[in-house]
mmCIF file of all heavy atoms, coordinates in Angstrom:
data_MODEL
# 
_entry.id   MODEL 
# 
loop_
_atom_site.group_PDB 
_atom_site.id 
_atom_site.type_symbol 
_atom_site.label_atom_id 
_atom_site.label_alt_id 
_atom_site.label_comp_id 
_atom_site.label_asym_id 
_atom_site.label_entity_id 
_atom_site.label_seq_id 
_atom_site.pdbx_PDB_ins_code 
_atom_site.Cartn_x 
_atom_site.Cartn_y 
_atom_site.Cartn_z 
_atom_site.occupancy 
_atom_site.B_iso_or_equiv 
_atom_site.pdbx_formal_charge 
_atom_site.auth_seq_id 
_atom_site.auth_comp_id 
_atom_site.auth_asym_id 
_atom_site.auth_atom_id 
_atom_site.pdbx_PDB_model_num 
ATOM 1   N N   . ALA A 1 1  ? -48.602 220.925 167.855 1.00 0.00 ? 1  ALA A N   1 
ATOM 2   C CA  . ALA A 1 1  ? -47.849 220.075 166.923 1.00 0.00 ? 1  ALA A CA  1 
ATOM 3   C C   . ALA A 1 1  ? -48.466 218.687 166.793 1.00 0.00 ? 1  ALA A C   1 
ATOM 4   O O   . ALA A 1 1  ? -48.401 218.075 165.720 1.00 0.00 ? 1  ALA A O   1 
ATOM 5   C CB  . ALA A 1 1  ? -46.397 219.963 167.376 1.00 0.00 ? 1  ALA A CB  1 
ATOM 6   N N   . VAL A 1 2  ? -49.064 218.173 167.874 1.00 0.00 ? 2  VAL A N   1 
ATOM 7   C CA  . VAL A 1 2  ? -49.633 216.819 167.816 1.00 0.00 ? 2  VAL A CA  1 
ATOM 8   C C   . VAL A 1 2  ? -51.122 216.844 167.474 1.00 0.00 ? 2  VAL A C   1 
ATOM 9   O O   . VAL A 1 2  ? -51.800 215.816 167.517 1.00 0.00 ? 2  VAL A O   1 
ATOM 10  C CB  . VAL A 1 2  ? -49.401 216.054 169.141 1.00 0.00 ? 2  VAL A CB  1 
ATOM 11  C CG1 . VAL A 1 2  ? -47.917 215.869 169.391 1.00 0.00 ? 2  VAL A CG1 1 
ATOM 12  C CG2 . VAL A 1 2  ? -50.080 216.740 170.323 1.00 0.00 ? 2  VAL A CG2 1 
ATOM 13  N N   . GLY A 1 3  ? -51.635 218.030 167.120 1.00 0.00 ? 3  GLY A N   1 
ATOM 14  C CA  . GLY A 1 3  ? -53.011 218.121 166.647 1.00 0.00 ? 3  GLY A CA  1 
ATOM 15  C C   . GLY A 1 3  ? -54.068 218.059 167.723 1.00 0.00 ? 3  GLY A C   1 
ATOM 16  O O   . GLY A 1 3  ? -55.128 217.458 167.516 1.00 0.00 ? 3  GLY A O   1 
ATOM 17  N N   . VAL A 1 4  ? -53.784 218.691 168.876 1.00 0.00 ? 4  VAL A N   1 
ATOM 18  C CA  . VAL A 1 4  ? -54.783 218.763 169.949 1.00 0.00 ? 4  VAL A CA  1 
ATOM 19  C C   . VAL A 1 4  ? -55.019 220.247 170.262 1.00 0.00 ? 4  VAL A C   1 
ATOM 20  O O   . VAL A 1 4  ? -54.602 220.757 171.307 1.00 0.00 ? 4  VAL A O   1 
ATOM 21  C CB  . VAL A 1 4  ? -54.330 218.002 171.214 1.00 0.00 ? 4  VAL A CB  1 
ATOM 22  C CG1 . VAL A 1 4  ? -55.489 217.854 172.200 1.00 0.00 ? 4  VAL A CG1 1 
ATOM 23  C CG2 . VAL A 1 4  ? -53.774 216.634 170.848 1.00 0.00 ? 4  VAL A CG2 1 
ATOM 24  N N   . PRO A 1 5  ? -55.680 220.977 169.340 1.00 0.00 ? 5  PRO A N   1 
ATOM 25  C CA  . PRO A 1 5  ? -55.797 222.423 169.487 1.00 0.00 ? 5  PRO A CA  1 
ATOM 26  C C   . PRO A 1 5  ? -56.598 222.879 170.701 1.00 0.00 ? 5  PRO A C   1 
ATOM 27  O O   . PRO A 1 5  ? -56.319 223.934 171.268 1.00 0.00 ? 5  PRO A O   1 
ATOM 28  C CB  . PRO A 1 5  ? -56.468 222.865 168.187 1.00 0.00 ? 5  PRO A CB  1 
ATOM 29  C CG  . PRO A 1 5  ? -57.165 221.648 167.684 1.00 0.00 ? 5  PRO A CG  1 
ATOM 30  C CD  . PRO A 1 5  ? -56.312 220.491 168.098 1.00 0.00 ? 5  PRO A CD  1 
ATOM 31  N N   . ASP A 1 6  ? -57.603 222.086 171.111 1.00 0.00 ? 6  ASP A N   1 
ATOM 32  C CA  . ASP A 1 6  ? -58.390 222.503 172.268 1.00 0.00 ? 6  ASP A CA  1 
ATOM 33  C C   . ASP A 1 6  ? -57.537 222.537 173.537 1.00 0.00 ? 6  ASP A C   1 
ATOM 34  O O   . ASP A 1 6  ? -57.667 223.443 174.366 1.00 0.00 ? 6  ASP A O   1 
ATOM 35  C CB  . ASP A 1 6  ? -59.592 221.579 172.459 1.00 0.00 ? 6  ASP A CB  1 
ATOM 36  C CG  . ASP A 1 6  ? -60.650 221.785 171.382 1.00 0.00 ? 6  ASP A CG  1 
ATOM 37  O OD1 . ASP A 1 6  ? -60.701 222.896 170.810 1.00 0.00 ? 6  ASP A OD1 1 
ATOM 38  O OD2 . ASP A 1 6  ? -61.404 220.842 171.100 1.00 0.00 ? 6  ASP A OD2 1 
ATOM 39  N N   . SER A 1 7  ? -56.655 221.562 173.681 1.00 0.00 ? 7  SER A N   1 
ATOM 40  C CA  . SER A 1 7  ? -55.743 221.559 174.827 1.00 0.00 ? 7  SER A CA  1 
ATOM 41  C C   . SER A 1 7  ? -54.757 222.720 174.725 1.00 0.00 ? 7  SER A C   1 
ATOM 42  O O   . SER A 1 7  ? -54.447 223.368 175.725 1.00 0.00 ? 7  SER A O   1 
ATOM 43  C CB  . SER A 1 7  ? -54.976 220.238 174.899 1.00 0.00 ? 7  SER A CB  1 
ATOM 44  O OG  . SER A 1 7  ? -55.853 219.165 175.160 1.00 0.00 ? 7  SER A OG  1 
ATOM 45  N N   . ALA A 1 8  ? -54.289 222.988 173.506 1.00 0.00 ? 8  ALA A N   1 
ATOM 46  C CA  . ALA A 1 8  ? -53.379 224.118 173.307 1.00 0.00 ? 8  ALA A CA  1 
ATOM 47  C C   . ALA A 1 8  ? -54.055 225.425 173.702 1.00 0.00 ? 8  ALA A C   1 
ATOM 48  O O   . ALA A 1 8  ? -53.449 226.276 174.364 1.00 0.00 ? 8  ALA A O   1 
ATOM 49  C CB  . ALA A 1 8  ? -52.923 224.170 171.856 1.00 0.00 ? 8  ALA A CB  1 
ATOM 50  N N   . LEU A 1 9  ? -55.335 225.583 173.324 1.00 0.00 ? 9  LEU A N   1 
ATOM 51  C CA  . LEU A 1 9  ? -56.062 226.801 173.674 1.00 0.00 ? 9  LEU A CA  1 
ATOM 52  C C   . LEU A 1 9  ? -56.202 226.966 175.178 1.00 0.00 ? 9  LEU A C   1 
ATOM 53  O O   . LEU A 1 9  ? -56.017 228.060 175.720 1.00 0.00 ? 9  LEU A O   1 
ATOM 54  C CB  . LEU A 1 9  ? -57.452 226.788 173.028 1.00 0.00 ? 9  LEU A CB  1 
ATOM 55  C CG  . LEU A 1 9  ? -57.567 227.261 171.583 1.00 0.00 ? 9  LEU A CG  1 
ATOM 56  C CD1 . LEU A 1 9  ? -59.008 227.118 171.108 1.00 0.00 ? 9  LEU A CD1 1 
ATOM 57  C CD2 . LEU A 1 9  ? -57.114 228.710 171.451 1.00 0.00 ? 9  LEU A CD2 1 
ATOM 58  N N   . ALA A 1 10 ? -56.544 225.871 175.849 1.00 0.00 ? 10 ALA A N   1 
ATOM 59  C CA  . ALA A 1 10 ? -56.706 225.937 177.307 1.00 0.00 ? 10 ALA A CA  1 
ATOM 60  C C   . ALA A 1 10 ? -55.399 226.344 177.983 1.00 0.00 ? 10 ALA A C   1 
ATOM 61  O O   . ALA A 1 10 ? -55.386 227.174 178.905 1.00 0.00 ? 10 ALA A O   1 
ATOM 62  C CB  . ALA A 1 10 ? -57.188 224.590 177.840 1.00 0.00 ? 10 ALA A CB  1 
ATOM 63  N N   . ILE A 1 11 ? -54.297 225.786 177.511 1.00 0.00 ? 11 ILE A N   1 
ATOM 64  C CA  . ILE A 1 11 ? -52.984 226.114 178.093 1.00 0.00 ? 11 ILE A CA  1 
ATOM 65  C C   . ILE A 1 11 ? -52.619 227.560 177.787 1.00 0.00 ? 11 ILE A C   1 
ATOM 66  O O   . ILE A 1 11 ? -52.084 228.280 178.639 1.00 0.00 ? 11 ILE A O   1 
ATOM 67  C CB  . ILE A 1 11 ? -51.916 225.139 177.572 1.00 0.00 ? 11 ILE A CB  1 
ATOM 68  C CG1 . ILE A 1 11 ? -52.193 223.730 178.104 1.00 0.00 ? 11 ILE A CG1 1 
ATOM 69  C CG2 . ILE A 1 11 ? -50.521 225.590 177.976 1.00 0.00 ? 11 ILE A CG2 1 
ATOM 70  C CD1 . ILE A 1 11 ? -51.354 222.651 177.460 1.00 0.00 ? 11 ILE A CD1 1 
ATOM 71  N N   . LEU A 1 12 ? -52.900 228.014 176.563 1.00 0.00 ? 12 LEU A N   1 
ATOM 72  C CA  . LEU A 1 12 ? -52.575 229.393 176.202 1.00 0.00 ? 12 LEU A CA  1 
ATOM 73  C C   . LEU A 1 12 ? -53.391 230.399 177.008 1.00 0.00 ? 12 LEU A C   1 
ATOM 74  O O   . LEU A 1 12 ? -52.895 231.480 177.346 1.00 0.00 ? 12 LEU A O   1 
ATOM 75  C CB  . LEU A 1 12 ? -52.795 229.602 174.702 1.00 0.00 ? 12 LEU A CB  1 
ATOM 76  C CG  . LEU A 1 12 ? -51.738 228.978 173.783 1.00 0.00 ? 12 LEU A CG  1 
ATOM 77  C CD1 . LEU A 1 12 ? -52.194 229.014 172.336 1.00 0.00 ? 12 LEU A CD1 1 
ATOM 78  C CD2 . LEU A 1 12 ? -50.406 229.703 173.938 1.00 0.00 ? 12 LEU A CD2 1 
ATOM 79  N N   . GLN A 1 13 ? -54.625 230.048 177.336 1.00 0.00 ? 13 GLN A N   1 
ATOM 80  C CA  . GLN A 1 13 ? -55.417 230.948 178.171 1.00 0.00 ? 13 GLN A CA  1 
ATOM 81  C C   . GLN A 1 13 ? -54.811 231.065 179.562 1.00 0.00 ? 13 GLN A C   1 
ATOM 82  O O   . GLN A 1 13 ? -54.773 232.161 180.143 1.00 0.00 ? 13 GLN A O   1 
ATOM 83  C CB  . GLN A 1 13 ? -56.869 230.450 178.267 1.00 0.00 ? 13 GLN A CB  1 
ATOM 84  C CG  . GLN A 1 13 ? -57.661 230.557 176.968 1.00 0.00 ? 13 GLN A CG  1 
ATOM 85  C CD  . GLN A 1 13 ? -57.980 231.996 176.579 1.00 0.00 ? 13 GLN A CD  1 
ATOM 86  O OE1 . GLN A 1 13 ? -57.721 232.936 177.320 1.00 0.00 ? 13 GLN A OE1 1 
ATOM 87  N NE2 . GLN A 1 13 ? -58.540 232.180 175.388 1.00 0.00 ? 13 GLN A NE2 1 
ATOM 88  N N   . ARG A 1 14 ? -54.306 229.969 180.100 1.00 0.00 ? 14 ARG A N   1 
ATOM 89  C CA  . ARG A 1 14 ? -53.607 230.025 181.393 1.00 0.00 ? 14 ARG A CA  1 
ATOM 90  C C   . ARG A 1 14 ? -52.319 230.835 181.268 1.00 0.00 ? 14 ARG A C   1 
ATOM 91  O O   . ARG A 1 14 ? -51.972 231.611 182.154 1.00 0.00 ? 14 ARG A O   1 
ATOM 92  C CB  . ARG A 1 14 ? -53.293 228.605 181.879 1.00 0.00 ? 14 ARG A CB  1 
ATOM 93  C CG  . ARG A 1 14 ? -54.524 227.879 182.421 1.00 0.00 ? 14 ARG A CG  1 
ATOM 94  C CD  . ARG A 1 14 ? -54.356 226.385 182.421 1.00 0.00 ? 14 ARG A CD  1 
ATOM 95  N NE  . ARG A 1 14 ? -53.212 225.920 183.198 1.00 0.00 ? 14 ARG A NE  1 
ATOM 96  C CZ  . ARG A 1 14 ? -52.724 224.683 183.141 1.00 0.00 ? 14 ARG A CZ  1 
ATOM 97  N NH1 . ARG A 1 14 ? -53.274 223.793 182.325 1.00 0.00 ? 14 ARG A NH1 1 
ATOM 98  N NH2 . ARG A 1 14 ? -51.693 224.325 183.875 1.00 0.00 ? 14 ARG A NH2 1 
ATOM 99  N N   . THR A 1 15 ? -51.617 230.643 180.157 1.00 0.00 ? 15 THR A N   1 
ATOM 100 C CA  . THR A 1 15 ? -50.388 231.412 179.908 1.00 0.00 ? 15 THR A CA  1 
ATOM 101 C C   . THR A 1 15 ? -50.692 232.904 179.902 1.00 0.00 ? 15 THR A C   1 
ATOM 102 O O   . THR A 1 15 ? -49.963 233.701 180.517 1.00 0.00 ? 15 THR A O   1 
ATOM 103 C CB  . THR A 1 15 ? -49.784 231.019 178.544 1.00 0.00 ? 15 THR A CB  1 
ATOM 104 O OG1 . THR A 1 15 ? -49.617 229.610 178.485 1.00 0.00 ? 15 THR A OG1 1 
ATOM 105 C CG2 . THR A 1 15 ? -48.451 231.700 178.323 1.00 0.00 ? 15 THR A CG2 1 
ATOM 106 N N   . LEU A 1 16 ? -51.759 233.270 179.221 1.00 0.00 ? 16 LEU A N   1 
ATOM 107 C CA  . LEU A 1 16 ? -52.155 234.677 179.133 1.00 0.00 ? 16 LEU A CA  1 
ATOM 108 C C   . LEU A 1 16 ? -52.440 235.255 180.511 1.00 0.00 ? 16 LEU A C   1 
ATOM 109 O O   . LEU A 1 16 ? -52.010 236.375 180.829 1.00 0.00 ? 16 LEU A O   1 
ATOM 110 C CB  . LEU A 1 16 ? -53.392 234.793 178.237 1.00 0.00 ? 16 LEU A CB  1 
ATOM 111 C CG  . LEU A 1 16 ? -53.932 236.203 177.985 1.00 0.00 ? 16 LEU A CG  1 
ATOM 112 C CD1 . LEU A 1 16 ? -52.895 237.059 177.268 1.00 0.00 ? 16 LEU A CD1 1 
ATOM 113 C CD2 . LEU A 1 16 ? -55.218 236.131 177.161 1.00 0.00 ? 16 LEU A CD2 1 
ATOM 114 N N   . GLN A 1 17 ? -53.133 234.501 181.337 1.00 0.00 ? 17 GLN A N   1 
ATOM 115 C CA  . GLN A 1 17 ? -53.455 234.975 182.691 1.00 0.00 ? 17 GLN A CA  1 
ATOM 116 C C   . GLN A 1 17 ? -52.193 235.250 183.503 1.00 0.00 ? 17 GLN A C   1 
ATOM 117 O O   . GLN A 1 17 ? -52.106 236.251 184.215 1.00 0.00 ? 17 GLN A O   1 
ATOM 118 C CB  . GLN A 1 17 ? -54.324 233.949 183.408 1.00 0.00 ? 17 GLN A CB  1 
ATOM 119 C CG  . GLN A 1 17 ? -55.736 233.831 182.843 1.00 0.00 ? 17 GLN A CG  1 
ATOM 120 C CD  . GLN A 1 17 ? -56.486 232.639 183.400 1.00 0.00 ? 17 GLN A CD  1 
ATOM 121 O OE1 . GLN A 1 17 ? -55.987 231.904 184.248 1.00 0.00 ? 17 GLN A OE1 1 
ATOM 122 N NE2 . GLN A 1 17 ? -57.705 232.428 182.912 1.00 0.00 ? 17 GLN A NE2 1 
ATOM 123 N N   . VAL A 1 18 ? -51.214 234.358 183.387 1.00 0.00 ? 18 VAL A N   1 
ATOM 124 C CA  . VAL A 1 18 ? -49.973 234.538 184.157 1.00 0.00 ? 18 VAL A CA  1 
ATOM 125 C C   . VAL A 1 18 ? -49.199 235.753 183.656 1.00 0.00 ? 18 VAL A C   1 
ATOM 126 O O   . VAL A 1 18 ? -48.714 236.567 184.454 1.00 0.00 ? 18 VAL A O   1 
ATOM 127 C CB  . VAL A 1 18 ? -49.097 233.275 184.093 1.00 0.00 ? 18 VAL A CB  1 
ATOM 128 C CG1 . VAL A 1 18 ? -47.788 233.507 184.864 1.00 0.00 ? 18 VAL A CG1 1 
ATOM 129 C CG2 . VAL A 1 18 ? -49.831 232.074 184.671 1.00 0.00 ? 18 VAL A CG2 1 
ATOM 130 N N   . PHE A 1 19 ? -49.095 235.896 182.336 1.00 0.00 ? 19 PHE A N   1 
ATOM 131 C CA  . PHE A 1 19 ? -48.386 237.067 181.801 1.00 0.00 ? 19 PHE A CA  1 
ATOM 132 C C   . PHE A 1 19 ? -49.087 238.364 182.190 1.00 0.00 ? 19 PHE A C   1 
ATOM 133 O O   . PHE A 1 19 ? -48.435 239.373 182.491 1.00 0.00 ? 19 PHE A O   1 
ATOM 134 C CB  . PHE A 1 19 ? -48.273 236.977 180.280 1.00 0.00 ? 19 PHE A CB  1 
ATOM 135 C CG  . PHE A 1 19 ? -47.116 236.144 179.785 1.00 0.00 ? 19 PHE A CG  1 
ATOM 136 C CD1 . PHE A 1 19 ? -47.289 235.214 178.771 1.00 0.00 ? 19 PHE A CD1 1 
ATOM 137 C CD2 . PHE A 1 19 ? -45.848 236.299 180.337 1.00 0.00 ? 19 PHE A CD2 1 
ATOM 138 C CE1 . PHE A 1 19 ? -46.219 234.454 178.311 1.00 0.00 ? 19 PHE A CE1 1 
ATOM 139 C CE2 . PHE A 1 19 ? -44.770 235.534 179.885 1.00 0.00 ? 19 PHE A CE2 1 
ATOM 140 C CZ  . PHE A 1 19 ? -44.959 234.605 178.875 1.00 0.00 ? 19 PHE A CZ  1 
ATOM 141 N N   . GLU A 1 20 ? -50.424 238.345 182.216 1.00 0.00 ? 20 GLU A N   1 
ATOM 142 C CA  . GLU A 1 20 ? -51.160 239.537 182.635 1.00 0.00 ? 20 GLU A CA  1 
ATOM 143 C C   . GLU A 1 20 ? -50.911 239.849 184.100 1.00 0.00 ? 20 GLU A C   1 
ATOM 144 O O   . GLU A 1 20 ? -50.757 241.020 184.478 1.00 0.00 ? 20 GLU A O   1 
ATOM 145 C CB  . GLU A 1 20 ? -52.654 239.343 182.365 1.00 0.00 ? 20 GLU A CB  1 
ATOM 146 C CG  . GLU A 1 20 ? -53.021 239.407 180.885 1.00 0.00 ? 20 GLU A CG  1 
ATOM 147 C CD  . GLU A 1 20 ? -54.471 239.080 180.605 1.00 0.00 ? 20 GLU A CD  1 
ATOM 148 O OE1 . GLU A 1 20 ? -55.113 238.418 181.455 1.00 0.00 ? 20 GLU A OE1 1 
ATOM 149 O OE2 . GLU A 1 20 ? -54.969 239.467 179.527 1.00 0.00 ? 20 GLU A OE2 1 
ATOM 150 N N   . ARG A 1 21 ? -50.845 238.817 184.929 1.00 0.00 ? 21 ARG A N   1 
ATOM 151 C CA  . ARG A 1 21 ? -50.582 239.023 186.365 1.00 0.00 ? 21 ARG A CA  1 
ATOM 152 C C   . ARG A 1 21 ? -49.215 239.646 186.608 1.00 0.00 ? 21 ARG A C   1 
ATOM 153 O O   . ARG A 1 21 ? -49.036 240.447 187.521 1.00 0.00 ? 21 ARG A O   1 
ATOM 154 C CB  . ARG A 1 21 ? -50.661 237.693 187.119 1.00 0.00 ? 21 ARG A CB  1 
ATOM 155 C CG  . ARG A 1 21 ? -52.074 237.209 187.408 1.00 0.00 ? 21 ARG A CG  1 
ATOM 156 C CD  . ARG A 1 21 ? -52.043 235.811 187.978 1.00 0.00 ? 21 ARG A CD  1 
ATOM 157 N NE  . ARG A 1 21 ? -51.258 235.716 189.205 1.00 0.00 ? 21 ARG A NE  1 
ATOM 158 C CZ  . ARG A 1 21 ? -50.857 234.565 189.746 1.00 0.00 ? 21 ARG A CZ  1 
ATOM 159 N NH1 . ARG A 1 21 ? -51.134 233.419 189.144 1.00 0.00 ? 21 ARG A NH1 1 
ATOM 160 N NH2 . ARG A 1 21 ? -50.167 234.564 190.863 1.00 0.00 ? 21 ARG A NH2 1 
ATOM 161 N N   . THR A 1 22 ? -48.250 239.279 185.786 1.00 0.00 ? 22 THR A N   1 
ATOM 162 C CA  . THR A 1 22 ? -46.886 239.785 185.980 1.00 0.00 ? 22 THR A CA  1 
ATOM 163 C C   . THR A 1 22 ? -46.624 241.084 185.235 1.00 0.00 ? 22 THR A C   1 
ATOM 164 O O   . THR A 1 22 ? -45.541 241.650 185.340 1.00 0.00 ? 22 THR A O   1 
ATOM 165 C CB  . THR A 1 22 ? -45.861 238.733 185.521 1.00 0.00 ? 22 THR A CB  1 
ATOM 166 O OG1 . THR A 1 22 ? -46.043 238.454 184.136 1.00 0.00 ? 22 THR A OG1 1 
ATOM 167 C CG2 . THR A 1 22 ? -45.997 237.446 186.321 1.00 0.00 ? 22 THR A CG2 1 
ATOM 168 N N   . GLY A 1 23 ? -47.602 241.547 184.452 1.00 0.00 ? 23 GLY A N   1 
ATOM 169 C CA  . GLY A 1 23 ? -47.418 242.783 183.705 1.00 0.00 ? 23 GLY A CA  1 
ATOM 170 C C   . GLY A 1 23 ? -46.441 242.657 182.555 1.00 0.00 ? 23 GLY A C   1 
ATOM 171 O O   . GLY A 1 23 ? -45.832 243.650 182.132 1.00 0.00 ? 23 GLY A O   1 
ATOM 172 N N   . ASN A 1 24 ? -46.300 241.448 182.024 1.00 0.00 ? 24 ASN A N   1 
ATOM 173 C CA  . ASN A 1 24 ? -45.366 241.211 180.915 1.00 0.00 ? 24 ASN A CA  1 
ATOM 174 C C   . ASN A 1 24 ? -46.091 241.465 179.596 1.00 0.00 ? 24 ASN A C   1 
ATOM 175 O O   . ASN A 1 24 ? -46.719 240.571 179.017 1.00 0.00 ? 24 ASN A O   1 
ATOM 176 C CB  . ASN A 1 24 ? -44.851 239.769 180.988 1.00 0.00 ? 24 ASN A CB  1 
ATOM 177 C CG  . ASN A 1 24 ? -43.788 239.459 179.955 1.00 0.00 ? 24 ASN A CG  1 
ATOM 178 O OD1 . ASN A 1 24 ? -43.746 240.079 178.896 1.00 0.00 ? 24 ASN A OD1 1 
ATOM 179 N ND2 . ASN A 1 24 ? -42.928 238.511 180.248 1.00 0.00 ? 24 ASN A ND2 1 
# 
């Protein structure tokens, strides 16, 4: 929303890793 897509991507990659670890 504040126009910092690179930071958003980095956070989403971490989000993906956690969801994969939990099998969600």
